[in-house]
N, C-alpha and C. Protein backbone atom coordinates (compact mmCIF):
# COMPACT_ATOMS: atom_id res chain seq x y z
N MET A 1 -17.16 -8.79 63.95
CA MET A 1 -16.20 -9.79 64.49
C MET A 1 -17.09 -9.93 65.66
N SER A 2 -16.98 -10.98 66.52
CA SER A 2 -17.41 -10.74 68.05
C SER A 2 -16.01 -11.09 68.93
N THR A 3 -16.83 -10.37 70.14
CA THR A 3 -15.13 -10.36 71.21
C THR A 3 -14.26 -11.77 71.47
N ALA A 4 -14.92 -13.02 71.20
CA ALA A 4 -14.62 -14.32 71.08
C ALA A 4 -13.51 -14.33 70.48
N GLN A 5 -13.91 -14.06 68.83
CA GLN A 5 -12.84 -13.84 67.84
C GLN A 5 -12.22 -13.11 67.74
N GLN A 6 -12.16 -11.81 68.08
CA GLN A 6 -11.02 -11.08 68.55
C GLN A 6 -10.37 -11.49 69.59
N ALA A 7 -10.04 -11.98 70.24
CA ALA A 7 -9.69 -12.40 70.97
C ALA A 7 -9.14 -13.93 71.06
N ILE A 8 -9.00 -14.42 70.40
CA ILE A 8 -8.46 -15.52 69.75
C ILE A 8 -7.67 -15.61 69.09
N VAL A 9 -7.96 -14.74 68.11
CA VAL A 9 -6.43 -13.49 66.82
C VAL A 9 -5.28 -13.32 67.78
N TYR A 10 -6.01 -12.11 68.63
CA TYR A 10 -5.33 -11.60 69.30
C TYR A 10 -4.43 -12.62 70.20
N ALA A 11 -4.79 -13.89 70.54
CA ALA A 11 -3.98 -14.66 71.19
C ALA A 11 -2.61 -15.08 70.77
N THR A 12 -3.18 -15.62 69.39
CA THR A 12 -2.18 -16.14 68.88
C THR A 12 -1.63 -15.43 68.29
N LEU A 13 -1.76 -13.88 67.77
CA LEU A 13 -0.58 -12.70 67.49
C LEU A 13 0.38 -13.06 68.72
N ILE A 14 -0.45 -12.57 70.21
CA ILE A 14 0.40 -12.80 70.74
C ILE A 14 1.73 -13.87 70.50
N LEU A 15 1.06 -15.02 70.44
CA LEU A 15 2.59 -16.46 70.67
C LEU A 15 2.97 -16.64 69.63
N ALA A 16 2.33 -16.01 68.85
CA ALA A 16 3.32 -15.95 67.64
C ALA A 16 4.73 -14.53 67.49
N ASP A 17 3.82 -13.33 68.33
CA ASP A 17 5.23 -12.16 68.47
C ASP A 17 6.33 -13.01 69.30
N ASP A 18 6.05 -14.14 70.69
CA ASP A 18 7.13 -14.20 71.43
C ASP A 18 7.35 -15.81 70.88
N ASN A 19 7.14 -15.95 69.46
CA ASN A 19 7.65 -17.38 69.16
C ASN A 19 7.89 -18.79 70.03
N VAL A 20 5.79 -18.01 70.60
CA VAL A 20 6.20 -19.69 70.93
C VAL A 20 4.64 -20.36 70.34
N GLU A 21 4.72 -22.00 70.37
CA GLU A 21 4.14 -22.97 69.53
C GLU A 21 2.65 -22.34 69.83
N ILE A 22 2.07 -22.37 69.06
CA ILE A 22 0.29 -21.98 68.94
C ILE A 22 0.10 -23.05 69.42
N THR A 23 -0.95 -23.62 70.58
CA THR A 23 -1.53 -24.57 70.64
C THR A 23 -2.98 -24.22 71.23
N ALA A 24 -3.78 -25.33 71.07
CA ALA A 24 -5.15 -24.70 72.11
C ALA A 24 -4.90 -24.55 73.24
N ASP A 25 -3.98 -25.47 73.69
CA ASP A 25 -3.84 -25.07 75.70
C ASP A 25 -3.20 -23.69 75.94
N LYS A 26 -2.14 -22.93 74.84
CA LYS A 26 -1.99 -22.00 75.42
C LYS A 26 -2.90 -20.83 74.75
N LEU A 27 -3.81 -20.87 74.32
CA LEU A 27 -4.27 -19.85 73.38
C LEU A 27 -5.89 -19.67 74.76
N GLU A 28 -6.23 -21.14 74.95
CA GLU A 28 -7.12 -20.98 75.93
C GLU A 28 -6.73 -20.54 76.47
N ALA A 29 -5.54 -20.56 77.38
CA ALA A 29 -4.54 -20.17 79.26
C ALA A 29 -4.99 -18.01 78.37
N ILE A 30 -4.59 -18.15 77.06
CA ILE A 30 -4.32 -16.23 77.17
C ILE A 30 -5.44 -16.15 77.74
N THR A 31 -6.93 -16.33 76.99
CA THR A 31 -8.05 -15.98 76.56
C THR A 31 -8.65 -16.02 77.90
N LYS A 32 -8.60 -16.91 78.72
CA LYS A 32 -8.73 -17.22 79.94
C LYS A 32 -8.45 -15.69 80.81
N ALA A 33 -7.59 -15.61 80.74
CA ALA A 33 -6.62 -14.58 81.71
C ALA A 33 -6.81 -13.19 81.26
N ALA A 34 -7.65 -12.79 80.05
CA ALA A 34 -7.86 -11.95 79.71
C ALA A 34 -9.65 -11.97 80.11
N GLY A 35 -9.87 -12.28 80.44
CA GLY A 35 -11.43 -13.01 80.97
C GLY A 35 -12.11 -12.55 79.48
N VAL A 36 -11.88 -13.30 79.16
CA VAL A 36 -12.70 -13.69 77.20
C VAL A 36 -13.29 -14.96 77.85
N ASP A 37 -15.29 -14.99 76.64
CA ASP A 37 -14.99 -16.45 77.21
C ASP A 37 -15.49 -16.51 75.79
N VAL A 38 -14.39 -18.02 75.15
CA VAL A 38 -14.17 -18.64 73.58
C VAL A 38 -14.82 -20.07 73.79
N GLU A 39 -15.76 -20.10 72.84
CA GLU A 39 -16.11 -21.54 72.32
C GLU A 39 -14.67 -22.48 72.21
N PRO A 40 -14.83 -23.26 73.24
CA PRO A 40 -14.15 -24.35 72.72
C PRO A 40 -13.39 -24.82 71.08
N ILE A 41 -14.14 -24.69 70.24
CA ILE A 41 -13.75 -24.87 69.05
C ILE A 41 -12.80 -24.17 68.48
N TYR A 42 -12.86 -23.13 68.84
CA TYR A 42 -11.83 -21.92 68.30
C TYR A 42 -10.41 -22.23 68.45
N PHE A 43 -10.21 -23.06 69.52
CA PHE A 43 -8.99 -23.19 70.12
C PHE A 43 -8.44 -24.12 68.93
N ASN A 44 -9.08 -25.33 69.18
CA ASN A 44 -8.34 -26.59 68.67
C ASN A 44 -8.29 -25.99 66.74
N LEU A 45 -9.04 -25.00 66.47
CA LEU A 45 -9.58 -24.66 64.85
C LEU A 45 -8.56 -23.70 64.98
N PHE A 46 -7.76 -22.75 65.64
CA PHE A 46 -6.75 -22.19 65.11
C PHE A 46 -5.20 -22.82 65.25
N ALA A 47 -5.36 -24.14 66.37
CA ALA A 47 -4.41 -24.92 66.82
C ALA A 47 -3.23 -25.21 65.11
N LYS A 48 -4.53 -25.75 65.27
CA LYS A 48 -4.46 -26.84 63.87
C LYS A 48 -4.23 -25.51 62.57
N ALA A 49 -4.60 -24.66 62.33
CA ALA A 49 -4.83 -23.85 61.36
C ALA A 49 -2.95 -23.49 60.96
N PHE A 50 -2.75 -22.85 62.17
CA PHE A 50 -1.08 -22.06 62.71
C PHE A 50 -0.29 -23.52 62.56
N GLU A 51 -0.56 -24.73 63.01
CA GLU A 51 0.49 -25.72 62.69
C GLU A 51 1.10 -25.76 62.11
N GLY A 52 3.01 -25.84 62.26
CA GLY A 52 3.74 -25.65 61.73
C GLY A 52 4.13 -24.47 60.94
N LYS A 53 3.69 -23.27 61.05
CA LYS A 53 3.64 -22.39 60.32
C LYS A 53 3.70 -21.43 60.92
N ASP A 54 4.84 -20.23 60.31
CA ASP A 54 5.55 -18.95 61.20
C ASP A 54 4.01 -18.62 60.88
N VAL A 55 3.97 -17.90 61.92
CA VAL A 55 2.21 -16.73 61.96
C VAL A 55 3.33 -15.38 60.61
N ASN A 56 4.18 -15.18 62.17
CA ASN A 56 5.13 -13.71 61.10
C ASN A 56 5.10 -13.66 60.24
N GLU A 57 5.65 -14.72 58.94
CA GLU A 57 6.47 -14.53 58.00
C GLU A 57 4.56 -14.73 56.95
N LEU A 58 3.58 -15.05 57.62
CA LEU A 58 2.74 -15.17 56.59
C LEU A 58 1.67 -13.80 57.13
N LEU A 59 1.76 -12.93 57.87
CA LEU A 59 1.63 -10.93 58.17
C LEU A 59 2.07 -10.56 56.88
N LEU A 60 3.81 -11.43 56.55
CA LEU A 60 4.39 -10.58 56.56
C LEU A 60 4.53 -10.56 54.09
N ASN A 61 3.84 -11.54 54.42
CA ASN A 61 3.83 -11.77 52.52
C ASN A 61 2.15 -11.77 52.67
N VAL A 62 1.60 -11.04 53.12
CA VAL A 62 -0.07 -10.86 53.07
C VAL A 62 -0.53 -10.85 51.20
N GLY A 63 0.23 -9.62 51.14
CA GLY A 63 -0.23 -9.53 49.57
C GLY A 63 0.76 -10.16 48.12
N SER A 64 2.14 -10.55 49.02
CA SER A 64 2.78 -10.87 47.50
C SER A 64 2.41 -11.99 46.78
N ALA A 65 2.12 -12.71 47.41
CA ALA A 65 1.04 -14.25 46.75
C ALA A 65 0.20 -13.81 45.51
N ALA A 66 -0.47 -12.72 46.11
CA ALA A 66 -1.91 -12.47 45.41
C ALA A 66 -1.70 -11.56 44.39
N ALA A 67 -0.48 -10.53 44.45
CA ALA A 67 -0.69 -9.75 43.16
C ALA A 67 0.39 -10.79 42.82
N ALA A 68 1.24 -11.81 42.64
CA ALA A 68 2.11 -12.48 41.76
C ALA A 68 1.82 -13.21 41.10
N ALA A 69 0.16 -14.21 41.31
CA ALA A 69 -0.53 -15.35 40.83
C ALA A 69 -1.42 -14.43 39.63
N PRO A 70 -1.69 -13.62 39.91
CA PRO A 70 -2.92 -12.69 38.50
C PRO A 70 -1.56 -12.77 37.02
N VAL A 71 -0.59 -12.55 37.31
CA VAL A 71 0.91 -11.59 36.79
C VAL A 71 0.91 -12.66 35.74
N ALA A 72 1.52 -13.84 36.53
CA ALA A 72 2.32 -15.44 36.06
C ALA A 72 0.99 -16.13 34.91
N GLY A 73 -0.64 -16.15 35.70
CA GLY A 73 -1.72 -16.75 35.26
C GLY A 73 -1.81 -15.92 33.63
N GLY A 74 -1.39 -14.98 33.73
CA GLY A 74 -1.88 -13.61 32.76
C GLY A 74 -1.44 -13.76 31.73
N ALA A 75 -0.11 -13.96 32.17
CA ALA A 75 0.79 -13.88 30.85
C ALA A 75 1.08 -14.87 29.98
N ALA A 76 0.62 -16.39 30.34
CA ALA A 76 0.75 -17.47 29.80
C ALA A 76 -0.55 -17.69 28.98
N PRO A 77 -1.90 -17.10 29.27
CA PRO A 77 -2.59 -17.20 28.34
C PRO A 77 -2.38 -15.79 27.19
N ALA A 78 -2.06 -14.73 27.42
CA ALA A 78 -2.14 -13.84 26.72
C ALA A 78 -0.92 -14.48 25.49
N ALA A 79 0.27 -15.35 25.49
CA ALA A 79 0.77 -15.61 24.64
C ALA A 79 0.37 -16.92 23.56
N ALA A 80 -0.52 -17.56 24.34
CA ALA A 80 -0.86 -18.69 23.88
C ALA A 80 -2.39 -18.20 22.89
N GLY A 81 -2.64 -16.22 23.41
CA GLY A 81 -4.21 -16.77 22.63
C GLY A 81 -4.15 -15.22 21.68
N ALA A 82 -3.15 -14.83 20.99
CA ALA A 82 -2.15 -14.00 20.42
C ALA A 82 -3.00 -13.99 19.84
N ALA A 83 -2.87 -15.03 18.47
CA ALA A 83 -3.49 -15.02 17.18
C ALA A 83 -4.27 -14.99 17.45
N PRO A 84 -6.14 -15.40 18.44
CA PRO A 84 -7.38 -14.90 18.28
C PRO A 84 -7.21 -13.75 18.22
N ALA A 85 -6.39 -13.38 19.36
CA ALA A 85 -7.26 -12.17 19.42
C ALA A 85 -6.76 -10.59 18.28
N ALA A 86 -5.96 -11.20 17.95
CA ALA A 86 -6.05 -10.54 15.97
C ALA A 86 -7.00 -11.05 15.23
N GLU A 87 -7.54 -11.72 14.84
CA GLU A 87 -8.77 -12.74 14.55
C GLU A 87 -10.25 -11.43 14.70
N ALA A 88 -9.72 -11.69 16.54
CA ALA A 88 -11.15 -11.06 16.77
C ALA A 88 -11.21 -9.50 16.30
N LYS A 89 -10.21 -8.67 16.08
CA LYS A 89 -10.28 -7.36 15.68
C LYS A 89 -10.03 -6.82 14.39
N VAL A 90 -10.15 -8.47 13.26
CA VAL A 90 -10.47 -8.42 12.55
C VAL A 90 -11.88 -8.13 12.08
N GLU A 91 -12.56 -9.15 12.85
CA GLU A 91 -14.09 -9.30 12.71
C GLU A 91 -14.48 -8.48 13.60
N GLU A 92 -14.54 -7.34 14.07
CA GLU A 92 -14.77 -6.18 14.84
C GLU A 92 -15.06 -5.08 13.46
N GLU A 93 -14.28 -4.71 13.42
CA GLU A 93 -13.81 -4.31 11.73
C GLU A 93 -14.74 -4.55 10.69
N GLU A 94 -15.26 -5.97 10.07
CA GLU A 94 -16.19 -6.48 9.40
C GLU A 94 -18.06 -5.94 10.17
N GLU A 95 -17.54 -5.99 11.06
CA GLU A 95 -19.48 -5.94 11.99
C GLU A 95 -19.66 -4.22 11.97
N SER A 96 -18.40 -3.66 12.53
CA SER A 96 -18.53 -1.82 12.05
C SER A 96 -19.40 -1.52 10.37
N ASP A 97 -18.57 -2.26 9.30
CA ASP A 97 -18.76 -1.72 8.16
C ASP A 97 -20.64 -2.15 8.21
N ASP A 98 -21.61 -3.06 8.81
CA ASP A 98 -22.69 -3.23 8.72
C ASP A 98 -23.66 -2.10 9.07
N ASP A 99 -23.30 -0.53 9.91
CA ASP A 99 -23.92 0.03 10.48
C ASP A 99 -24.68 0.91 9.43
N MET A 100 -26.01 1.19 8.99
CA MET A 100 -27.03 0.99 8.22
C MET A 100 -27.78 2.82 8.42
N GLY A 101 -26.30 3.82 9.80
CA GLY A 101 -27.28 4.77 9.74
C GLY A 101 -28.13 5.61 10.97
N PHE A 102 -28.98 4.14 11.38
CA PHE A 102 -30.35 4.52 12.37
C PHE A 102 -29.70 3.69 13.52
N GLY A 103 -30.14 3.48 14.61
CA GLY A 103 -30.11 3.44 15.38
C GLY A 103 -31.26 2.08 15.90
N LEU A 104 -31.26 0.99 16.83
CA LEU A 104 -32.51 0.52 17.29
C LEU A 104 -34.19 1.26 18.22
N PHE A 105 -32.98 2.61 18.68
CA PHE A 105 -34.15 3.03 19.03
C PHE A 105 -34.44 4.79 18.59
N ASP A 106 -34.47 4.77 17.46
CA ASP A 106 -34.13 6.09 16.94
C ASP A 106 -35.51 6.15 16.51
């Protein structure tokens, strides 16, 4: 991550920590005060990305949504696919009977 990118992230965190609305002008003012030269696109990009969002809440819930999604998503297919799983076990057992006592590379 470049210095300019780090500066815009830190400026966003500073504004969020002070409970100040994140705008392009405020991000630009903070980075200029820090003496970091940032491309103007980053100011609008970050301002629009965090518009109407609580950054503190986003940071506190970083892992909770990602951890809950696979559990919820994995439960439904498991219930629906219980019968095919039992059939697959039966088929695997039948295939193991075909072993003739020698391997392909023996």
